[in-house]
Amino acid sequence: MAISIRRREYDHHTEQVHAAGGERVRDLMLGLNDGLVASLAVTSGVSGAFTARKVVIMAGLAEMLGGAVSMGLAAFISARSQIEFYHSEIEREHQEMRKWPERERDEIRSIYRAKGFSGKLLDEIVAHITSDPKRWSDVMMREELGFSGEFDSPLRSGTTVGLSYLCGAAIPVLPYIFVEPSHGVVFSVLATLVALFVVGAAKTVITTRSWWRSGLESALTGAAAAAATFAAGSLFSRL
């Protein structure tokens, strides 16, 4: 019975937690959280300064679209730059292997000696790795520089961040379509704080933190942003 329970826990850990903790989930959470907070801050600030519904909605729409495009492109460029850097480092390793093969072999030897290998077994490992240039460079990239060689698609990363940002940013804007800003700000804040709590709690799938603490922190971040911008907008309306 105990073995069966441990087996189920192992399966849950390896198949669910790690599978859910990929780049796509990270990009999704990033886009949703940033979209919610940024849009709430903008709409709260504008609603504190202006009473016209169209002004608040237009400001929210502008933030939604501009933020989604900006975040999506930033994620795309970041992912592409990481891949380009990886390939440049591979080329550098290949050049060093051609120019100073013995020095590079000594680095492989040092790496695996530090892992506890020695004697004939260590010699066989070094010979096996350095017999194939691709295997050799892959090991150097992984062991020396910490690169796994696995990257998410820049297009997919950018699209995920951009669309999730757009979805998150829409939530604070929607109440103003149906309610005047003076009351809409209340519904906007409440809806967004609930959404932020859910997103914060959902992040614990990949962070393993306490779900209620993570959710509360996300909600408090949004509340602080809304309070600050609404206060600024209210002061501006009195000028």
Protein backbone atom coordinates (compact mmCIF):
# COMPACT_ATOMS: atom_id res chain seq x y z
CA MET A 1 0.00 0.00 0.00
CA ALA A 2 2.80 2.43 0.95
CA ILE A 3 4.66 1.60 -2.27
CA SER A 4 1.49 2.27 -4.26
CA ILE A 5 1.02 5.67 -2.58
CA ARG A 6 4.65 6.64 -3.20
CA ARG A 7 4.32 5.51 -6.80
CA ARG A 8 1.26 7.74 -7.31
CA GLU A 9 3.08 10.68 -5.71
CA TYR A 10 6.07 10.08 -8.00
CA ASP A 11 3.86 9.91 -11.06
CA HIS A 12 2.12 13.14 -10.03
CA HIS A 13 5.44 14.89 -9.47
CA THR A 14 7.09 13.86 -12.70
CA GLU A 15 4.18 13.82 -15.11
CA GLN A 16 2.04 16.68 -13.85
CA VAL A 17 4.23 19.21 -12.07
CA HIS A 18 7.13 19.19 -14.48
CA ALA A 19 4.88 18.92 -17.54
CA ALA A 20 2.89 21.91 -16.37
CA GLY A 21 5.98 23.97 -15.60
CA GLY A 22 7.09 24.57 -19.16
CA GLU A 23 7.82 27.75 -21.00
CA ARG A 24 4.27 28.06 -22.25
CA VAL A 25 2.78 28.12 -18.76
CA ARG A 26 5.33 30.73 -17.68
CA ASP A 27 4.51 32.92 -20.70
CA LEU A 28 0.78 32.53 -20.09
CA MET A 29 1.04 33.55 -16.43
CA LEU A 30 3.34 36.46 -17.29
CA GLY A 31 0.98 37.86 -19.90
CA LEU A 32 -2.15 37.47 -17.78
CA ASN A 33 -0.64 38.99 -14.65
CA ASP A 34 0.94 41.97 -16.41
CA GLY A 35 -2.17 42.63 -18.46
CA LEU A 36 -4.41 42.62 -15.41
CA VAL A 37 -2.21 44.93 -13.34
CA ALA A 38 -1.33 47.40 -16.11
CA SER A 39 -4.89 47.71 -17.39
CA LEU A 40 -6.31 48.10 -13.88
CA ALA A 41 -3.79 50.83 -13.12
CA VAL A 42 -4.62 52.76 -16.31
CA THR A 43 -8.42 52.48 -16.07
CA SER A 44 -8.44 53.31 -12.35
CA GLY A 45 -6.29 56.38 -12.90
CA VAL A 46 -8.36 57.66 -15.81
CA SER A 47 -11.66 56.98 -14.01
CA GLY A 48 -10.37 59.01 -11.07
CA ALA A 49 -9.67 61.95 -13.36
CA PHE A 50 -12.57 61.82 -15.86
CA THR A 51 -16.25 60.97 -15.65
CA ALA A 52 -16.77 60.27 -19.36
CA ARG A 53 -17.18 56.55 -20.02
CA LYS A 54 -15.71 56.77 -23.52
CA VAL A 55 -12.49 58.30 -22.19
CA VAL A 56 -11.95 55.46 -19.71
CA ILE A 57 -12.80 52.77 -22.27
CA MET A 58 -10.53 54.32 -24.91
CA ALA A 59 -7.67 54.55 -22.44
CA GLY A 60 -8.21 50.91 -21.48
CA LEU A 61 -8.37 49.77 -25.11
CA ALA A 62 -5.22 51.69 -25.98
CA GLU A 63 -3.40 50.07 -23.06
CA MET A 64 -4.73 46.63 -24.02
CA LEU A 65 -3.57 46.80 -27.62
CA GLY A 66 -0.32 48.66 -27.03
CA GLY A 67 0.64 46.47 -24.10
CA ALA A 68 -0.20 43.24 -25.92
CA VAL A 69 1.89 44.19 -28.95
CA SER A 70 4.77 45.46 -26.81
CA MET A 71 4.84 42.42 -24.50
CA GLY A 72 4.42 39.97 -27.36
CA LEU A 73 7.29 41.48 -29.35
CA ALA A 74 9.48 41.66 -26.25
CA ALA A 75 8.88 37.96 -25.54
CA PHE A 76 9.57 37.08 -29.19
CA ILE A 77 12.84 39.04 -29.26
CA SER A 78 13.93 37.65 -25.90
CA ALA A 79 13.34 34.03 -26.96
CA ARG A 80 15.04 34.57 -30.32
CA SER A 81 18.03 36.29 -28.69
CA GLN A 82 18.46 33.36 -26.32
CA ILE A 83 18.58 30.94 -29.25
CA GLU A 84 21.01 33.15 -31.17
CA PHE A 85 23.27 33.38 -28.13
CA TYR A 86 23.18 29.60 -27.73
CA HIS A 87 24.24 29.06 -31.34
CA SER A 88 27.02 31.64 -31.04
CA GLU A 89 28.33 29.82 -27.95
CA ILE A 90 28.23 26.48 -29.80
CA GLU A 91 30.29 27.98 -32.60
CA ARG A 92 32.77 29.34 -30.06
CA GLU A 93 33.07 25.89 -28.47
CA HIS A 94 33.68 24.31 -31.88
CA GLN A 95 36.45 26.83 -32.58
CA GLU A 96 38.10 26.11 -29.24
CA MET A 97 37.84 22.36 -29.84
CA ARG A 98 39.63 22.80 -33.18
CA LYS A 99 42.31 25.18 -31.87
CA TRP A 100 42.98 23.67 -28.45
CA PRO A 101 41.65 20.08 -28.44
CA GLU A 102 43.83 18.92 -25.55
CA ARG A 103 42.77 21.80 -23.34
CA GLU A 104 39.12 21.08 -24.11
CA ARG A 105 39.65 17.37 -23.35
CA ASP A 106 41.17 18.34 -20.03
CA GLU A 107 38.05 20.37 -19.29
CA ILE A 108 35.87 17.31 -19.97
CA ARG A 109 38.16 15.26 -17.74
CA SER A 110 37.91 17.84 -14.94
CA ILE A 111 34.13 17.95 -15.20
CA TYR A 112 33.72 14.19 -14.85
CA ARG A 113 36.47 13.85 -12.27
CA ALA A 114 34.48 16.29 -10.14
CA LYS A 115 31.47 13.97 -10.56
CA GLY A 116 33.45 11.16 -8.92
CA PHE A 117 34.85 9.26 -11.92
CA SER A 118 38.51 8.24 -12.03
CA GLY A 119 41.01 5.84 -13.54
CA LYS A 120 40.17 3.76 -16.59
CA LEU A 121 36.46 4.59 -16.42
CA LEU A 122 37.21 8.31 -16.56
CA ASP A 123 39.50 7.77 -19.57
CA GLU A 124 36.75 5.82 -21.34
CA ILE A 125 34.17 8.55 -20.65
CA VAL A 126 36.47 11.27 -21.98
CA ALA A 127 37.32 9.21 -25.06
CA HIS A 128 33.66 8.47 -25.76
CA ILE A 129 32.55 12.10 -25.42
CA THR A 130 35.39 13.61 -27.44
CA SER A 131 35.07 11.05 -30.26
CA ASP A 132 31.99 12.88 -31.56
CA PRO A 133 32.27 16.69 -32.05
CA LYS A 134 28.53 17.21 -31.61
CA ARG A 135 28.40 15.16 -28.43
CA TRP A 136 31.54 16.93 -27.22
CA SER A 137 30.10 20.42 -27.78
CA ASP A 138 26.72 19.43 -26.29
CA VAL A 139 28.41 18.25 -23.11
CA MET A 140 30.48 21.42 -22.88
CA MET A 141 27.41 23.59 -23.39
CA ARG A 142 25.45 21.69 -20.77
CA GLU A 143 28.13 21.10 -18.14
CA GLU A 144 30.25 24.23 -18.54
CA LEU A 145 27.66 26.86 -19.50
CA GLY A 146 24.43 25.33 -18.17
CA PHE A 147 22.53 25.26 -21.49
CA SER A 148 20.10 22.40 -22.07
CA GLY A 149 19.71 23.14 -25.78
CA GLU A 150 15.91 23.11 -25.50
CA PHE A 151 14.14 26.38 -26.29
CA ASP A 152 10.56 27.41 -26.84
CA SER A 153 9.62 28.75 -30.26
CA PRO A 154 10.02 32.57 -30.31
CA LEU A 155 6.82 32.92 -32.32
CA ARG A 156 4.86 30.74 -29.92
CA SER A 157 6.30 32.53 -26.91
CA GLY A 158 5.50 35.96 -28.32
CA THR A 159 1.98 34.91 -29.33
CA THR A 160 1.26 33.33 -25.94
CA VAL A 161 2.42 36.39 -24.01
CA GLY A 162 0.64 38.83 -26.31
CA LEU A 163 -2.72 37.04 -26.35
CA SER A 164 -2.69 36.28 -22.63
CA TYR A 165 -1.85 39.94 -21.94
CA LEU A 166 -4.78 40.99 -24.12
CA CYS A 167 -7.15 38.65 -22.25
CA GLY A 168 -5.92 39.84 -18.85
CA ALA A 169 -6.10 43.51 -19.81
CA ALA A 170 -9.70 43.14 -21.00
CA ILE A 171 -11.04 42.28 -17.54
CA PRO A 172 -10.57 45.73 -15.93
CA VAL A 173 -12.07 47.44 -18.99
CA LEU A 174 -15.26 45.39 -19.38
CA PRO A 175 -17.22 46.87 -16.40
CA TYR A 176 -16.95 50.38 -17.86
CA ILE A 177 -18.88 49.27 -20.95
CA PHE A 178 -21.96 48.71 -18.80
CA VAL A 179 -21.48 51.05 -15.81
CA GLU A 180 -20.50 54.70 -15.46
CA PRO A 181 -16.88 55.27 -14.31
CA SER A 182 -17.90 56.43 -10.84
CA HIS A 183 -19.38 52.98 -10.17
CA GLY A 184 -17.52 51.06 -12.84
CA VAL A 185 -14.22 51.47 -11.03
CA VAL A 186 -15.60 49.45 -8.10
CA PHE A 187 -16.67 46.55 -10.31
CA SER A 188 -13.43 46.80 -12.29
CA VAL A 189 -11.28 46.61 -9.18
CA LEU A 190 -13.25 43.73 -7.67
CA ALA A 191 -13.26 41.68 -10.89
CA THR A 192 -9.55 42.28 -11.44
CA LEU A 193 -8.56 41.43 -7.88
CA VAL A 194 -10.44 38.14 -8.10
CA ALA A 195 -8.74 37.40 -11.43
CA LEU A 196 -5.33 38.30 -9.99
CA PHE A 197 -5.92 36.03 -7.01
CA VAL A 198 -6.81 33.15 -9.34
CA VAL A 199 -3.76 33.76 -11.55
CA GLY A 200 -1.50 34.06 -8.50
CA ALA A 201 -2.87 30.83 -7.06
CA ALA A 202 -2.52 29.09 -10.42
CA LYS A 203 1.17 30.06 -10.58
CA THR A 204 1.84 27.66 -7.70
CA VAL A 205 1.52 24.82 -10.22
CA ILE A 206 5.03 25.76 -11.37
CA THR A 207 6.38 27.46 -8.24
CA THR A 208 5.07 25.00 -5.58
CA ARG A 209 4.43 27.93 -3.20
CA SER A 210 1.39 28.28 -0.97
CA TRP A 211 -1.54 28.93 -3.34
CA TRP A 212 -3.38 31.35 -1.06
CA ARG A 213 -0.23 33.36 -0.29
CA SER A 214 0.70 33.63 -3.97
CA GLY A 215 -2.86 34.60 -4.86
CA LEU A 216 -3.02 37.19 -2.10
CA GLU A 217 0.30 38.75 -3.15
CA SER A 218 -0.90 39.09 -6.74
CA ALA A 219 -4.18 40.65 -5.63
CA LEU A 220 -2.43 43.09 -3.30
CA THR A 221 -0.12 44.14 -6.13
CA GLY A 222 -3.11 45.03 -8.26
CA ALA A 223 -4.83 46.80 -5.37
CA ALA A 224 -1.75 48.93 -4.71
CA ALA A 225 -1.45 49.87 -8.39
CA ALA A 226 -5.14 50.78 -8.61
CA ALA A 227 -5.05 52.84 -5.41
CA ALA A 228 -1.99 54.78 -6.50
CA THR A 229 -3.29 55.64 -9.97
CA PHE A 230 -6.83 56.39 -8.78
CA ALA A 231 -5.43 58.79 -6.17
CA ALA A 232 -3.30 60.44 -8.84
CA GLY A 233 -6.29 60.73 -11.15
CA SER A 234 -8.45 62.22 -8.40
CA LEU A 235 -5.79 64.83 -7.64
CA PHE A 236 -5.50 65.64 -11.33
CA SER A 237 -9.27 66.21 -11.61
CA ARG A 238 -9.06 68.89 -8.93
CA LEU A 239 -6.38 70.94 -10.70
